[in-house]
């Protein structure tokens, strides 16, 4: 039987309205829809461990030294100090802080990070895109090397030089031809950690100062993930270093004695510290 045209039109309108109502009911509310980054991933929801410290020893440090790099070698400290027309490479007696030997860096360079690898001492410069190589015994300059961009911190993993440039990225550099082998972006629970500064390789991790912060990041060298933070607030008493640029910067590790040393730019003291992990409700736990 053929239905009248008016009835067919009415049925068609009812069908269309029913389909739209069904589609609207099945669509989730936009208020409940996850946005980019809104849903926490397991990595983002985990708390990054925080370590405190115990001061084991306190040593004098030259309050005029704008510390940019620090290395422990054969019982003494090797130190790179910055500022234009004041940059140096030094050999320093740990116990007294006495400068045993000092080499001036050319006055138009601002010296930065320092590391010792394969019997050669490598020193960065800030904006010069040039580094210097020295004999670690005599501090005689034996060569130069080039890199792109700024130089901030420098360490090594026994195979590659590891360079920071003030960003969240670390470069692993071949010490033979100075080509970049790989890079890692440093993150804490998925967020970039920028202004990475002085570096030290400690027991398979990269320890990194963060500029103008009283804490050190413990970084996985393969993934760039921050495994933990070392909170070093309170090392200096108020007034001991008044310059606003007298910030924590300088990490050295004595592998043979398992000792960790830290200092800062223009700090009058250098500290040997022992790390302690903070545990919620149970105080702290020695590492």
C-alpha atoms as a PDB file:
ATOM      1  CA  UNK A   1       0.000   0.000   0.000  1.00  0.00           C
ATOM      2  CA  UNK A   2       1.430   3.396  -0.891  1.00  0.00           C
ATOM      3  CA  UNK A   3       1.412   5.886   2.026  1.00  0.00           C
ATOM      4  CA  UNK A   4       0.347   9.479   1.508  1.00  0.00           C
ATOM      5  CA  UNK A   5       3.200  11.932   0.860  1.00  0.00           C
ATOM      6  CA  UNK A   6       2.534  13.902   4.052  1.00  0.00           C
ATOM      7  CA  UNK A   7       2.804  10.746   6.173  1.00  0.00           C
ATOM      8  CA  UNK A   8       6.035   9.679   4.434  1.00  0.00           C
ATOM      9  CA  UNK A   9       7.529  13.098   5.160  1.00  0.00           C
ATOM     10  CA  UNK A  10       6.546  12.849   8.843  1.00  0.00           C
ATOM     11  CA  UNK A  11       8.106   9.391   9.192  1.00  0.00           C
ATOM     12  CA  UNK A  12      11.323  10.582   7.553  1.00  0.00           C
ATOM     13  CA  UNK A  13      11.623  13.489   9.993  1.00  0.00           C
ATOM     14  CA  UNK A  14      11.118  11.167  12.997  1.00  0.00           C
ATOM     15  CA  UNK A  15      13.851   8.786  11.755  1.00  0.00           C
ATOM     16  CA  UNK A  16      16.361  11.629  11.284  1.00  0.00           C
ATOM     17  CA  UNK A  17      15.613  13.057  14.730  1.00  0.00           C
ATOM     18  CA  UNK A  18      16.038   9.625  16.321  1.00  0.00           C
ATOM     19  CA  UNK A  19      19.444   9.079  14.658  1.00  0.00           C
ATOM     20  CA  UNK A  20      20.762  12.454  15.803  1.00  0.00           C
ATOM     21  CA  UNK A  21      19.586  11.852  19.352  1.00  0.00           C
ATOM     22  CA  UNK A  22      21.248   8.455  19.408  1.00  0.00           C
ATOM     23  CA  UNK A  23      24.560   9.922  18.147  1.00  0.00           C
ATOM     24  CA  UNK A  24      24.545  12.683  20.743  1.00  0.00           C
ATOM     25  CA  UNK A  25      23.926  10.245  23.599  1.00  0.00           C
ATOM     26  CA  UNK A  26      26.860   8.046  22.566  1.00  0.00           C
ATOM     27  CA  UNK A  27      29.398  10.918  22.332  1.00  0.00           C
ATOM     28  CA  UNK A  28      31.400  11.597  25.523  1.00  0.00           C
ATOM     29  CA  UNK A  29      31.121  15.020  27.132  1.00  0.00           C
ATOM     30  CA  UNK A  30      33.914  17.365  26.078  1.00  0.00           C
ATOM     31  CA  UNK A  31      34.426  18.297  29.747  1.00  0.00           C
ATOM     32  CA  UNK A  32      35.456  14.717  30.490  1.00  0.00           C
ATOM     33  CA  UNK A  33      37.567  14.193  27.376  1.00  0.00           C
ATOM     34  CA  UNK A  34      41.324  13.862  28.040  1.00  0.00           C
ATOM     35  CA  UNK A  35      43.448  16.680  26.648  1.00  0.00           C
ATOM     36  CA  UNK A  36      47.079  16.436  25.526  1.00  0.00           C
ATOM     37  CA  UNK A  37      49.143  15.725  28.621  1.00  0.00           C
ATOM     38  CA  UNK A  38      46.100  15.647  30.858  1.00  0.00           C
ATOM     39  CA  UNK A  39      46.120  11.904  31.468  1.00  0.00           C
ATOM     40  CA  UNK A  40      48.996  11.039  33.769  1.00  0.00           C
ATOM     41  CA  UNK A  41      51.388   8.421  32.450  1.00  0.00           C
ATOM     42  CA  UNK A  42      53.104   6.067  34.902  1.00  0.00           C
ATOM     43  CA  UNK A  43      56.356   8.006  34.474  1.00  0.00           C
ATOM     44  CA  UNK A  44      54.654  11.338  35.155  1.00  0.00           C
ATOM     45  CA  UNK A  45      52.824  10.104  38.254  1.00  0.00           C
ATOM     46  CA  UNK A  46      55.897   8.664  39.970  1.00  0.00           C
ATOM     47  CA  UNK A  47      57.676  10.859  42.490  1.00  0.00           C
ATOM     48  CA  UNK A  48      61.331  11.527  41.707  1.00  0.00           C
ATOM     49  CA  UNK A  49      63.478  10.559  44.738  1.00  0.00           C
ATOM     50  CA  UNK A  50      65.026  13.467  46.636  1.00  0.00           C
ATOM     51  CA  UNK A  51      68.337  13.130  48.480  1.00  0.00           C
ATOM     52  CA  UNK A  52      69.579  15.223  51.340  1.00  0.00           C
ATOM     53  CA  UNK A  53      73.168  15.343  52.549  1.00  0.00           C
ATOM     54  CA  UNK A  54      75.532  15.083  55.467  1.00  0.00           C
ATOM     55  CA  UNK A  55      78.681  17.226  55.482  1.00  0.00           C
ATOM     56  CA  UNK A  56      81.663  14.934  56.016  1.00  0.00           C
ATOM     57  CA  UNK A  57      84.412  17.559  55.665  1.00  0.00           C
ATOM     58  CA  UNK A  58      84.668  21.274  54.965  1.00  0.00           C
ATOM     59  CA  UNK A  59      87.676  22.722  53.151  1.00  0.00           C
ATOM     60  CA  UNK A  60      88.767  26.279  52.276  1.00  0.00           C
ATOM     61  CA  UNK A  61      88.058  27.483  48.728  1.00  0.00           C
ATOM     62  CA  UNK A  62      89.250  30.629  46.967  1.00  0.00           C
ATOM     63  CA  UNK A  63      86.320  33.094  47.223  1.00  0.00           C
ATOM     64  CA  UNK A  64      87.574  34.812  44.051  1.00  0.00           C
ATOM     65  CA  UNK A  65      87.319  31.599  41.998  1.00  0.00           C
ATOM     66  CA  UNK A  66      84.320  31.683  39.646  1.00  0.00           C
ATOM     67  CA  UNK A  67      84.111  27.897  39.560  1.00  0.00           C
ATOM     68  CA  UNK A  68      82.972  26.406  36.255  1.00  0.00           C
ATOM     69  CA  UNK A  69      84.516  22.932  36.261  1.00  0.00           C
ATOM     70  CA  UNK A  70      85.978  20.678  38.941  1.00  0.00           C
ATOM     71  CA  UNK A  71      87.928  17.403  38.761  1.00  0.00           C
ATOM     72  CA  UNK A  72      89.557  15.298  41.497  1.00  0.00           C
ATOM     73  CA  UNK A  73      92.819  13.731  40.289  1.00  0.00           C
ATOM     74  CA  UNK A  74      95.682  12.118  42.204  1.00  0.00           C
ATOM     75  CA  UNK A  75      94.811  13.751  45.509  1.00  0.00           C
ATOM     76  CA  UNK A  76      94.325  17.314  44.230  1.00  0.00           C
ATOM     77  CA  UNK A  77      91.573  19.298  42.589  1.00  0.00           C
ATOM     78  CA  UNK A  78      91.801  20.577  39.036  1.00  0.00           C
ATOM     79  CA  UNK A  79      89.563  23.617  38.646  1.00  0.00           C
ATOM     80  CA  UNK A  80      88.382  25.718  35.716  1.00  0.00           C
ATOM     81  CA  UNK A  81      87.370  29.277  36.629  1.00  0.00           C
ATOM     82  CA  UNK A  82      85.440  31.678  34.415  1.00  0.00           C
ATOM     83  CA  UNK A  83      84.875  35.366  33.587  1.00  0.00           C
ATOM     84  CA  UNK A  84      86.501  37.205  30.726  1.00  0.00           C
ATOM     85  CA  UNK A  85      90.067  38.335  31.410  1.00  0.00           C
ATOM     86  CA  UNK A  86      89.997  36.274  34.621  1.00  0.00           C
ATOM     87  CA  UNK A  87      89.574  32.684  33.409  1.00  0.00           C
ATOM     88  CA  UNK A  88      92.103  30.122  34.605  1.00  0.00           C
ATOM     89  CA  UNK A  89      92.966  26.465  34.933  1.00  0.00           C
ATOM     90  CA  UNK A  90      94.255  25.574  38.396  1.00  0.00           C
ATOM     91  CA  UNK A  91      95.721  22.799  40.490  1.00  0.00           C
ATOM     92  CA  UNK A  92      94.411  23.190  44.039  1.00  0.00           C
ATOM     93  CA  UNK A  93      95.401  21.511  47.295  1.00  0.00           C
ATOM     94  CA  UNK A  94      92.255  19.939  48.719  1.00  0.00           C
ATOM     95  CA  UNK A  95      93.029  20.285  52.427  1.00  0.00           C
ATOM     96  CA  UNK A  96      94.043  23.960  52.391  1.00  0.00           C
ATOM     97  CA  UNK A  97      92.464  25.334  49.212  1.00  0.00           C
ATOM     98  CA  UNK A  98      95.901  26.661  48.220  1.00  0.00           C
ATOM     99  CA  UNK A  99      96.394  27.232  44.491  1.00  0.00           C
ATOM    100  CA  UNK A 100      99.468  25.165  43.653  1.00  0.00           C
ATOM    101  CA  UNK A 101      99.594  26.047  39.968  1.00  0.00           C
ATOM    102  CA  UNK A 102      97.627  28.356  37.703  1.00  0.00           C
ATOM    103  CA  UNK A 103      97.420  28.814  33.938  1.00  0.00           C
ATOM    104  CA  UNK A 104      95.754  31.882  32.444  1.00  0.00           C
ATOM    105  CA  UNK A 105      93.190  31.363  29.686  1.00  0.00           C
ATOM    106  CA  UNK A 106      93.396  33.886  26.793  1.00  0.00           C
ATOM    107  CA  UNK A 107      91.558  37.030  28.003  1.00  0.00           C
ATOM    108  CA  UNK A 108      88.845  37.004  25.323  1.00  0.00           C
ATOM    109  CA  UNK A 109      87.615  33.549  26.411  1.00  0.00           C
ATOM    110  CA  UNK A 110      85.249  32.765  29.272  1.00  0.00           C
ATOM    111  CA  UNK A 111      86.318  29.342  30.603  1.00  0.00           C
ATOM    112  CA  UNK A 112      83.684  26.756  31.486  1.00  0.00           C
ATOM    113  CA  UNK A 113      83.503  22.972  32.139  1.00  0.00           C
ATOM    114  CA  UNK A 114      86.458  20.665  32.695  1.00  0.00           C
ATOM    115  CA  UNK A 115      87.092  16.916  32.497  1.00  0.00           C
ATOM    116  CA  UNK A 116      89.965  14.448  32.322  1.00  0.00           C
ATOM    117  CA  UNK A 117      89.806  11.593  29.805  1.00  0.00           C
ATOM    118  CA  UNK A 118      92.528   9.409  28.324  1.00  0.00           C
ATOM    119  CA  UNK A 119      95.349  11.365  29.917  1.00  0.00           C
ATOM    120  CA  UNK A 120      94.114  14.667  28.486  1.00  0.00           C
ATOM    121  CA  UNK A 121      92.456  17.523  30.316  1.00  0.00           C
ATOM    122  CA  UNK A 122      89.642  19.184  28.339  1.00  0.00           C
ATOM    123  CA  UNK A 123      88.362  22.684  29.110  1.00  0.00           C
ATOM    124  CA  UNK A 124      85.346  24.357  27.480  1.00  0.00           C
ATOM    125  CA  UNK A 125      84.713  28.032  26.782  1.00  0.00           C
ATOM    126  CA  UNK A 126      81.302  29.658  26.985  1.00  0.00           C
ATOM    127  CA  UNK A 127      80.678  31.325  23.603  1.00  0.00           C
ATOM    128  CA  UNK A 128      84.005  30.791  21.881  1.00  0.00           C
ATOM    129  CA  UNK A 129      82.997  27.446  20.296  1.00  0.00           C
ATOM    130  CA  UNK A 130      86.515  26.341  21.162  1.00  0.00           C
ATOM    131  CA  UNK A 131      87.977  24.152  23.881  1.00  0.00           C
ATOM    132  CA  UNK A 132      91.529  23.706  25.131  1.00  0.00           C
ATOM    133  CA  UNK A 133      93.480  20.513  25.845  1.00  0.00           C
ATOM    134  CA  UNK A 134      96.157  20.309  28.546  1.00  0.00           C
ATOM    135  CA  UNK A 135      98.625  17.878  30.018  1.00  0.00           C
ATOM    136  CA  UNK A 136      97.147  17.050  33.455  1.00  0.00           C
ATOM    137  CA  UNK A 137     100.577  16.813  35.074  1.00  0.00           C
ATOM    138  CA  UNK A 138     102.105  20.082  33.856  1.00  0.00           C
ATOM    139  CA  UNK A 139      98.976  22.010  32.762  1.00  0.00           C
ATOM    140  CA  UNK A 140     100.811  22.758  29.538  1.00  0.00           C
ATOM    141  CA  UNK A 141      98.419  23.398  26.665  1.00  0.00           C
ATOM    142  CA  UNK A 142      98.707  20.626  24.064  1.00  0.00           C
ATOM    143  CA  UNK A 143      95.848  21.333  21.659  1.00  0.00           C
ATOM    144  CA  UNK A 144      92.429  22.776  20.885  1.00  0.00           C
ATOM    145  CA  UNK A 145      89.092  21.436  19.700  1.00  0.00           C
ATOM    146  CA  UNK A 146      85.915  22.935  18.248  1.00  0.00           C
ATOM    147  CA  UNK A 147      82.202  22.450  18.883  1.00  0.00           C
ATOM    148  CA  UNK A 148      79.026  24.275  17.902  1.00  0.00           C
ATOM    149  CA  UNK A 149      77.054  26.484  20.264  1.00  0.00           C
ATOM    150  CA  UNK A 150      77.759  27.330  23.870  1.00  0.00           C
ATOM    151  CA  UNK A 151      79.842  25.291  26.285  1.00  0.00           C
ATOM    152  CA  UNK A 152      78.703  25.005  29.921  1.00  0.00           C
ATOM    153  CA  UNK A 153      79.538  21.722  31.662  1.00  0.00           C
ATOM    154  CA  UNK A 154      81.778  18.821  30.679  1.00  0.00           C
ATOM    155  CA  UNK A 155      82.339  15.258  31.892  1.00  0.00           C
ATOM    156  CA  UNK A 156      82.869  11.812  30.338  1.00  0.00           C
ATOM    157  CA  UNK A 157      81.654   8.225  30.636  1.00  0.00           C
ATOM    158  CA  UNK A 158      85.012   6.644  29.804  1.00  0.00           C
ATOM    159  CA  UNK A 159      84.217   6.671  26.095  1.00  0.00           C
ATOM    160  CA  UNK A 160      82.590   9.975  25.139  1.00  0.00           C
ATOM    161  CA  UNK A 161      82.941  13.545  26.263  1.00  0.00           C
ATOM    162  CA  UNK A 162      79.561  14.719  27.608  1.00  0.00           C
ATOM    163  CA  UNK A 163      78.772  18.400  27.096  1.00  0.00           C
ATOM    164  CA  UNK A 164      75.986  20.640  28.384  1.00  0.00           C
ATOM    165  CA  UNK A 165      75.143  23.933  26.714  1.00  0.00           C
ATOM    166  CA  UNK A 166      72.598  25.524  29.050  1.00  0.00           C
ATOM    167  CA  UNK A 167      69.629  23.772  27.474  1.00  0.00           C
ATOM    168  CA  UNK A 168      67.964  20.482  28.446  1.00  0.00           C
ATOM    169  CA  UNK A 169      70.157  18.561  25.996  1.00  0.00           C
ATOM    170  CA  UNK A 170      73.412  16.678  26.599  1.00  0.00           C
ATOM    171  CA  UNK A 171      75.791  15.889  23.747  1.00  0.00           C
ATOM    172  CA  UNK A 172      78.005  12.791  23.678  1.00  0.00           C
ATOM    173  CA  UNK A 173      81.119  13.693  21.678  1.00  0.00           C
ATOM    174  CA  UNK A 174      83.828  11.511  20.179  1.00  0.00           C
ATOM    175  CA  UNK A 175      87.128  12.615  21.803  1.00  0.00           C
ATOM    176  CA  UNK A 176      89.053  11.726  18.643  1.00  0.00           C
ATOM    177  CA  UNK A 177      87.246  13.761  15.980  1.00  0.00           C
ATOM    178  CA  UNK A 178      84.830  15.773  18.192  1.00  0.00           C
ATOM    179  CA  UNK A 179      81.778  14.717  16.246  1.00  0.00           C
ATOM    180  CA  UNK A 180      78.499  14.346  18.123  1.00  0.00           C
ATOM    181  CA  UNK A 181      77.764  10.642  18.547  1.00  0.00           C
ATOM    182  CA  UNK A 182      74.319  11.107  20.096  1.00  0.00           C
ATOM    183  CA  UNK A 183      72.248  13.436  22.245  1.00  0.00           C
ATOM    184  CA  UNK A 184      69.782  12.942  25.086  1.00  0.00           C
ATOM    185  CA  UNK A 185      67.089  15.332  26.293  1.00  0.00           C
ATOM    186  CA  UNK A 186      66.948  15.513  30.087  1.00  0.00           C
ATOM    187  CA  UNK A 187      63.488  15.239  31.613  1.00  0.00           C
ATOM    188  CA  UNK A 188      61.943  14.937  35.056  1.00  0.00           C
ATOM    189  CA  UNK A 189      58.614  13.070  34.888  1.00  0.00           C
ATOM    190  CA  UNK A 190      58.291  14.034  31.241  1.00  0.00           C
ATOM    191  CA  UNK A 191      59.154  17.709  31.684  1.00  0.00           C
ATOM    192  CA  UNK A 192      62.404  19.176  30.287  1.00  0.00           C
ATOM    193  CA  UNK A 193      65.132  20.183  32.744  1.00  0.00           C
ATOM    194  CA  UNK A 194      66.879  23.222  31.314  1.00  0.00           C
ATOM    195  CA  UNK A 195      69.983  25.241  32.183  1.00  0.00           C
ATOM    196  CA  UNK A 196      72.076  22.160  32.886  1.00  0.00           C
ATOM    197  CA  UNK A 197      75.485  23.380  33.959  1.00  0.00           C
ATOM    198  CA  UNK A 198      78.538  21.711  35.518  1.00  0.00           C
ATOM    199  CA  UNK A 199      78.628  17.924  35.097  1.00  0.00           C
ATOM    200  CA  UNK A 200      80.232  14.906  36.776  1.00  0.00           C
ATOM    201  CA  UNK A 201      79.917  11.202  35.957  1.00  0.00           C
ATOM    202  CA  UNK A 202      79.309   9.286  39.192  1.00  0.00           C
ATOM    203  CA  UNK A 203      78.697   5.518  39.376  1.00  0.00           C
ATOM    204  CA  UNK A 204      76.964   5.278  36.022  1.00  0.00           C
ATOM    205  CA  UNK A 205      74.938   8.492  36.387  1.00  0.00           C
ATOM    206  CA  UNK A 206      75.482  12.049  35.213  1.00  0.00           C
ATOM    207  CA  UNK A 207      75.314  14.534  38.075  1.00  0.00           C
ATOM    208  CA  UNK A 208      74.360  17.996  36.797  1.00  0.00           C
ATOM    209  CA  UNK A 209      74.162  21.374  38.457  1.00  0.00           C
ATOM    210  CA  UNK A 210      71.148  23.423  37.389  1.00  0.00           C
ATOM    211  CA  UNK A 211      72.046  27.100  37.084  1.00  0.00           C
ATOM    212  CA  UNK A 212      70.816  29.236  39.996  1.00  0.00           C
ATOM    213  CA  UNK A 213      69.405  26.227  41.844  1.00  0.00           C
ATOM    214  CA  UNK A 214      70.666  24.587  45.040  1.00  0.00           C
ATOM    215  CA  UNK A 215      70.135  21.096  43.707  1.00  0.00           C
ATOM    216  CA  UNK A 216      71.825  18.556  41.478  1.00  0.00           C
ATOM    217  CA  UNK A 217      70.054  16.295  38.990  1.00  0.00           C
ATOM    218  CA  UNK A 218      71.007  12.603  38.839  1.00  0.00           C
ATOM    219  CA  UNK A 219      70.534  11.679  35.191  1.00  0.00           C
ATOM    220  CA  UNK A 220      70.288   8.332  33.387  1.00  0.00           C
ATOM    221  CA  UNK A 221      72.845   8.686  30.567  1.00  0.00           C
ATOM    222  CA  UNK A 222      70.906   6.388  28.242  1.00  0.00           C
ATOM    223  CA  UNK A 223      67.438   7.917  28.511  1.00  0.00           C
ATOM    224  CA  UNK A 224      68.037  11.384  29.953  1.00  0.00           C
ATOM    225  CA  UNK A 225      65.501  10.687  32.692  1.00  0.00           C
ATOM    226  CA  UNK A 226      66.207  12.291  36.079  1.00  0.00           C
ATOM    227  CA  UNK A 227      66.548   9.435  38.554  1.00  0.00           C
ATOM    228  CA  UNK A 228      66.773  11.699  41.571  1.00  0.00           C
ATOM    229  CA  UNK A 229      67.500  15.169  42.925  1.00  0.00           C
ATOM    230  CA  UNK A 230      70.138  16.132  45.484  1.00  0.00           C
ATOM    231  CA  UNK A 231      68.938  19.049  47.601  1.00  0.00           C
ATOM    232  CA  UNK A 232      72.005  20.971  48.787  1.00  0.00           C
ATOM    233  CA  UNK A 233      70.242  23.978  50.277  1.00  0.00           C
ATOM    234  CA  UNK A 234      71.896  25.341  53.413  1.00  0.00           C
ATOM    235  CA  UNK A 235      75.502  24.402  52.677  1.00  0.00           C
ATOM    236  CA  UNK A 236      76.577  28.022  53.099  1.00  0.00           C
ATOM    237  CA  UNK A 237      75.341  30.193  55.941  1.00  0.00           C
ATOM    238  CA  UNK A 238      73.594  33.456  55.035  1.00  0.00           C
ATOM    239  CA  UNK A 239      76.134  36.139  54.161  1.00  0.00           C
ATOM    240  CA  UNK A 240      79.015  33.761  53.379  1.00  0.00           C
ATOM    241  CA  UNK A 241      78.658  34.477  49.646  1.00  0.00           C
ATOM    242  CA  UNK A 242      76.736  37.698  48.975  1.00  0.00           C
ATOM    243  CA  UNK A 243      77.205  38.000  45.187  1.00  0.00           C
ATOM    244  CA  UNK A 244      73.974  36.948  43.385  1.00  0.00           C
ATOM    245  CA  UNK A 245      76.088  34.864  40.994  1.00  0.00           C
ATOM    246  CA  UNK A 246      77.714  32.973  43.873  1.00  0.00           C
ATOM    247  CA  UNK A 247      75.619  29.921  43.088  1.00  0.00           C
ATOM    248  CA  UNK A 248      76.154  26.202  43.570  1.00  0.00           C
ATOM    249  CA  UNK A 249      78.392  25.025  40.724  1.00  0.00           C
ATOM    250  CA  UNK A 250      81.154  22.460  40.938  1.00  0.00           C
ATOM    251  CA  UNK A 251      81.032  18.690  41.402  1.00  0.00           C
ATOM    252  CA  UNK A 252      84.028  16.372  41.715  1.00  0.00           C
ATOM    253  CA  UNK A 253      84.072  12.660  42.472  1.00  0.00           C
ATOM    254  CA  UNK A 254      86.972  10.710  43.969  1.00  0.00           C
ATOM    255  CA  UNK A 255      86.318   7.257  42.545  1.00  0.00           C
ATOM    256  CA  UNK A 256      89.079   5.563  44.551  1.00  0.00           C
ATOM    257  CA  UNK A 257      87.898   6.955  47.875  1.00  0.00           C
ATOM    258  CA  UNK A 258      84.189   7.119  46.942  1.00  0.00           C
ATOM    259  CA  UNK A 259      84.046  10.777  47.974  1.00  0.00           C
ATOM    260  CA  UNK A 260      81.812  13.483  46.525  1.00  0.00           C
ATOM    261  CA  UNK A 261      82.883  17.147  46.605  1.00  0.00           C
ATOM    262  CA  UNK A 262      80.756  20.192  45.816  1.00  0.00           C
ATOM    263  CA  UNK A 263      81.323  23.942  45.796  1.00  0.00           C
ATOM    264  CA  UNK A 264      80.060  27.063  44.072  1.00  0.00           C
ATOM    265  CA  UNK A 265      81.100  30.139  42.152  1.00  0.00           C
ATOM    266  CA  UNK A 266      82.856  32.583  44.502  1.00  0.00           C
ATOM    267  CA  UNK A 267      82.264  30.254  47.458  1.00  0.00           C
ATOM    268  CA  UNK A 268      84.722  30.435  50.376  1.00  0.00           C
ATOM    269  CA  UNK A 269      84.248  26.729  51.124  1.00  0.00           C
ATOM    270  CA  UNK A 270      84.285  23.353  49.417  1.00  0.00           C
ATOM    271  CA  UNK A 271      82.377  20.451  50.951  1.00  0.00           C
ATOM    272  CA  UNK A 272      82.718  16.690  51.015  1.00  0.00           C
ATOM    273  CA  UNK A 273      79.170  15.377  51.337  1.00  0.00           C
ATOM    274  CA  UNK A 274      77.488  12.035  51.871  1.00  0.00           C
ATOM    275  CA  UNK A 275      74.061  11.582  50.295  1.00  0.00           C
ATOM    276  CA  UNK A 276      70.982  10.484  52.220  1.00  0.00           C
ATOM    277  CA  UNK A 277      67.685   9.618  50.586  1.00  0.00           C
ATOM    278  CA  UNK A 278      64.587  11.127  52.118  1.00  0.00           C
ATOM    279  CA  UNK A 279      61.886   8.606  53.000  1.00  0.00           C
ATOM    280  CA  UNK A 280      58.352   9.742  53.744  1.00  0.00           C
ATOM    281  CA  UNK A 281      57.534   9.054  57.413  1.00  0.00           C
ATOM    282  CA  UNK A 282      60.874   7.396  58.137  1.00  0.00           C
ATOM    283  CA  UNK A 283      63.342  10.266  58.024  1.00  0.00           C
ATOM    284  CA  UNK A 284      66.311   9.674  55.764  1.00  0.00           C
ATOM    285  CA  UNK A 285      68.179   6.656  54.518  1.00  0.00           C
ATOM    286  CA  UNK A 286      71.885   6.660  53.768  1.00  0.00           C
ATOM    287  CA  UNK A 287      72.628   5.793  50.168  1.00  0.00           C
END
